[in-house]
């Protein structure tokens, strides 16, 4: 089954999710979060080799967000300072 972004957010809310983690950086501009109960945590990449080493940053962001809020999690490239 394929869902649009709005349908996905609604399904997440109906299932009781507090946050949705995605790498879709455009979702914030496509959806009005002000009436949503689910928060968005948007990752700067979906590359597994980056994500598997940064689970703590992702978990911290999920713990910080409030209903209807949005937070981006950026990851530094090797050899560069934190974003």
N, C-alpha and C. Protein backbone atom coordinates (compact mmCIF):
# COMPACT_ATOMS: atom_id res chain seq x y z
N UNK A 1 0.84 -1.17 0.00
CA UNK A 1 0.00 0.00 0.00
C UNK A 1 0.89 1.24 0.00
N UNK A 2 0.57 2.19 -0.83
CA UNK A 2 1.33 3.43 -0.91
C UNK A 2 0.52 4.57 -0.30
N UNK A 3 1.18 5.37 0.53
CA UNK A 3 0.52 6.50 1.20
C UNK A 3 1.17 7.81 0.79
N UNK A 4 0.36 8.84 0.66
CA UNK A 4 0.92 10.18 0.49
C UNK A 4 1.48 10.62 1.83
N UNK A 5 2.24 11.71 1.85
CA UNK A 5 2.79 12.19 3.12
C UNK A 5 1.70 12.50 4.13
N UNK A 6 0.62 13.13 3.71
CA UNK A 6 -0.47 13.45 4.61
C UNK A 6 -1.13 12.20 5.17
N UNK A 7 -1.32 11.20 4.31
CA UNK A 7 -1.91 9.94 4.76
C UNK A 7 -0.97 9.21 5.72
N UNK A 8 0.32 9.30 5.46
CA UNK A 8 1.31 8.67 6.34
C UNK A 8 1.28 9.31 7.73
N UNK A 9 1.22 10.63 7.78
CA UNK A 9 1.16 11.32 9.07
C UNK A 9 -0.12 10.95 9.82
N UNK A 10 -1.23 10.90 9.11
CA UNK A 10 -2.51 10.52 9.73
C UNK A 10 -2.44 9.09 10.25
N UNK A 11 -1.90 8.18 9.45
CA UNK A 11 -1.78 6.78 9.88
C UNK A 11 -0.89 6.67 11.11
N UNK A 12 0.21 7.43 11.14
CA UNK A 12 1.10 7.41 12.31
C UNK A 12 0.38 7.91 13.55
N UNK A 13 -0.39 8.98 13.40
CA UNK A 13 -1.15 9.52 14.54
C UNK A 13 -2.18 8.50 15.02
N UNK A 14 -2.92 7.91 14.08
CA UNK A 14 -3.96 6.95 14.44
C UNK A 14 -3.37 5.70 15.12
N UNK A 15 -2.14 5.37 14.78
CA UNK A 15 -1.47 4.21 15.39
C UNK A 15 -0.83 4.57 16.72
N UNK A 16 -0.88 5.84 17.11
CA UNK A 16 -0.37 6.26 18.40
C UNK A 16 1.09 6.66 18.42
N UNK A 17 1.69 6.84 17.24
CA UNK A 17 3.09 7.27 17.21
C UNK A 17 3.22 8.72 17.65
N UNK A 18 4.25 9.01 18.43
CA UNK A 18 4.53 10.37 18.87
C UNK A 18 5.41 11.11 17.86
N UNK A 19 6.23 10.36 17.13
CA UNK A 19 7.15 10.98 16.17
C UNK A 19 7.32 10.09 14.95
N UNK A 20 7.59 10.73 13.83
CA UNK A 20 7.89 10.04 12.59
C UNK A 20 9.28 10.46 12.18
N UNK A 21 10.15 9.50 11.96
CA UNK A 21 11.53 9.77 11.54
C UNK A 21 11.61 9.50 10.04
N UNK A 22 12.12 10.48 9.29
CA UNK A 22 12.19 10.38 7.84
C UNK A 22 13.42 11.10 7.31
N UNK A 23 13.79 10.78 6.10
CA UNK A 23 14.86 11.52 5.42
C UNK A 23 14.27 12.41 4.33
N UNK A 24 12.95 12.53 4.28
CA UNK A 24 12.27 13.39 3.30
C UNK A 24 12.35 14.84 3.78
N UNK A 25 13.32 15.57 3.27
CA UNK A 25 13.56 16.93 3.73
C UNK A 25 12.54 17.93 3.22
N UNK A 26 11.68 17.53 2.30
CA UNK A 26 10.64 18.42 1.77
C UNK A 26 9.32 18.30 2.51
N UNK A 27 9.17 17.29 3.34
CA UNK A 27 7.88 17.04 3.99
C UNK A 27 7.42 18.24 4.82
N UNK A 28 8.34 18.95 5.41
CA UNK A 28 7.98 20.12 6.24
C UNK A 28 7.25 21.18 5.41
N UNK A 29 7.66 21.33 4.17
CA UNK A 29 7.08 22.35 3.31
C UNK A 29 5.80 21.86 2.63
N UNK A 30 5.57 20.56 2.68
CA UNK A 30 4.40 19.98 2.04
C UNK A 30 3.25 19.76 3.00
N UNK A 31 3.52 19.81 4.30
CA UNK A 31 2.50 19.50 5.29
C UNK A 31 2.40 20.61 6.34
N UNK A 32 1.18 20.88 6.78
CA UNK A 32 0.94 21.82 7.87
C UNK A 32 0.95 21.02 9.17
N UNK A 33 1.97 21.23 9.97
CA UNK A 33 2.12 20.46 11.20
C UNK A 33 1.37 21.05 12.39
N UNK A 34 0.84 22.26 12.24
CA UNK A 34 0.26 22.95 13.39
C UNK A 34 -0.93 22.20 13.99
N UNK A 35 -1.63 21.40 13.23
CA UNK A 35 -2.78 20.66 13.75
C UNK A 35 -2.47 19.18 13.94
N UNK A 36 -1.22 18.82 13.82
CA UNK A 36 -0.82 17.42 13.93
C UNK A 36 -0.45 17.08 15.37
N UNK A 37 -0.63 15.81 15.70
CA UNK A 37 -0.23 15.31 17.01
C UNK A 37 1.11 14.60 16.94
N UNK A 38 1.52 14.25 15.75
CA UNK A 38 2.79 13.57 15.55
C UNK A 38 3.87 14.61 15.24
N UNK A 39 5.06 14.38 15.73
CA UNK A 39 6.20 15.26 15.44
C UNK A 39 7.01 14.65 14.30
N UNK A 40 7.79 15.49 13.63
CA UNK A 40 8.66 15.02 12.57
C UNK A 40 10.12 15.20 12.97
N UNK A 41 10.90 14.15 12.79
CA UNK A 41 12.34 14.22 12.93
C UNK A 41 12.89 13.89 11.55
N UNK A 42 13.54 14.88 10.94
CA UNK A 42 14.01 14.73 9.56
C UNK A 42 15.53 14.59 9.55
N UNK A 43 15.99 13.51 8.98
CA UNK A 43 17.42 13.21 8.92
C UNK A 43 18.02 13.77 7.64
N UNK A 44 19.26 14.24 7.71
CA UNK A 44 19.91 14.83 6.56
C UNK A 44 20.36 13.79 5.54
N UNK A 45 20.30 12.51 5.91
CA UNK A 45 20.68 11.44 5.00
C UNK A 45 19.93 10.17 5.39
N UNK A 46 19.84 9.25 4.46
CA UNK A 46 19.29 7.94 4.79
C UNK A 46 20.36 6.86 4.59
N UNK A 47 21.63 7.28 4.51
CA UNK A 47 22.74 6.34 4.33
C UNK A 47 22.96 5.54 5.60
N UNK A 48 22.80 4.23 5.52
CA UNK A 48 22.90 3.37 6.69
C UNK A 48 24.24 3.51 7.39
N UNK A 49 25.33 3.62 6.65
CA UNK A 49 26.65 3.71 7.29
C UNK A 49 26.76 4.96 8.16
N UNK A 50 26.00 5.99 7.88
CA UNK A 50 25.98 7.20 8.71
C UNK A 50 25.00 7.02 9.87
N UNK A 51 23.82 6.53 9.57
CA UNK A 51 22.78 6.39 10.60
C UNK A 51 23.15 5.42 11.70
N UNK A 52 23.76 4.30 11.36
CA UNK A 52 24.08 3.29 12.37
C UNK A 52 25.07 3.80 13.41
N UNK A 53 25.85 4.80 13.05
CA UNK A 53 26.82 5.37 13.99
C UNK A 53 26.30 6.59 14.73
N UNK A 54 25.06 6.98 14.46
CA UNK A 54 24.51 8.20 15.05
C UNK A 54 23.14 7.98 15.70
N UNK A 55 22.90 6.77 16.16
CA UNK A 55 21.62 6.46 16.80
C UNK A 55 21.32 7.35 17.99
N UNK A 56 22.35 7.73 18.74
CA UNK A 56 22.14 8.60 19.90
C UNK A 56 21.61 9.97 19.51
N UNK A 57 22.13 10.54 18.43
CA UNK A 57 21.64 11.84 17.97
C UNK A 57 20.18 11.76 17.54
N UNK A 58 19.85 10.67 16.87
CA UNK A 58 18.46 10.49 16.41
C UNK A 58 17.54 10.30 17.61
N UNK A 59 17.94 9.47 18.56
CA UNK A 59 17.13 9.24 19.76
C UNK A 59 16.95 10.52 20.56
N UNK A 60 18.00 11.33 20.68
CA UNK A 60 17.89 12.61 21.39
C UNK A 60 16.86 13.50 20.73
N UNK A 61 16.86 13.56 19.40
CA UNK A 61 15.90 14.40 18.68
C UNK A 61 14.48 13.89 18.89
N UNK A 62 14.29 12.58 18.84
CA UNK A 62 12.96 12.00 19.06
C UNK A 62 12.47 12.33 20.47
N UNK A 63 13.36 12.30 21.44
CA UNK A 63 12.97 12.61 22.82
C UNK A 63 12.68 14.08 23.04
N UNK A 64 13.23 14.96 22.21
CA UNK A 64 13.05 16.41 22.36
C UNK A 64 11.77 16.93 21.72
N UNK A 65 11.34 16.34 20.62
CA UNK A 65 10.23 16.92 19.86
C UNK A 65 8.92 16.86 20.63
N UNK A 66 8.07 17.81 20.33
CA UNK A 66 6.74 17.91 20.92
C UNK A 66 5.71 17.69 19.82
N UNK A 67 4.47 17.36 20.17
CA UNK A 67 3.45 17.14 19.14
C UNK A 67 3.38 18.30 18.15
N UNK A 68 3.36 17.96 16.88
CA UNK A 68 3.26 18.96 15.83
C UNK A 68 4.54 19.71 15.53
N UNK A 69 5.65 19.33 16.16
CA UNK A 69 6.90 20.05 15.93
C UNK A 69 7.76 19.34 14.89
N UNK A 70 8.84 19.99 14.54
CA UNK A 70 9.73 19.54 13.48
C UNK A 70 11.16 19.77 13.93
N UNK A 71 12.00 18.77 13.72
CA UNK A 71 13.42 18.95 14.03
C UNK A 71 14.25 18.23 12.98
N UNK A 72 15.26 18.92 12.49
CA UNK A 72 16.20 18.32 11.55
C UNK A 72 17.42 17.82 12.31
N UNK A 73 17.93 16.67 11.89
CA UNK A 73 19.15 16.11 12.46
C UNK A 73 20.17 16.03 11.34
N UNK A 74 21.22 16.84 11.45
CA UNK A 74 22.28 16.82 10.46
C UNK A 74 23.45 16.00 10.95
N UNK A 75 24.14 15.40 10.04
CA UNK A 75 25.29 14.58 10.37
C UNK A 75 26.51 15.15 9.69
N UNK A 76 27.62 15.16 10.39
CA UNK A 76 28.84 15.71 9.79
C UNK A 76 29.48 14.69 8.88
N UNK A 77 30.08 15.21 7.85
CA UNK A 77 30.85 14.35 6.95
C UNK A 77 32.17 14.04 7.66
N UNK A 78 32.74 12.88 7.40
CA UNK A 78 34.02 12.55 8.06
C UNK A 78 35.05 13.66 7.86
N UNK A 79 35.68 14.06 8.95
CA UNK A 79 36.71 15.08 8.88
C UNK A 79 36.22 16.50 8.99
N UNK A 80 34.89 16.71 9.07
CA UNK A 80 34.33 18.06 9.18
C UNK A 80 33.71 18.24 10.57
N UNK A 81 33.59 19.51 11.03
CA UNK A 81 32.97 19.74 12.35
C UNK A 81 31.47 19.44 12.31
N UNK A 82 30.89 19.27 13.50
CA UNK A 82 29.44 19.04 13.62
C UNK A 82 28.67 20.17 12.93
N UNK A 83 27.50 19.86 12.33
CA UNK A 83 26.69 20.91 11.66
C UNK A 83 26.09 21.87 12.66
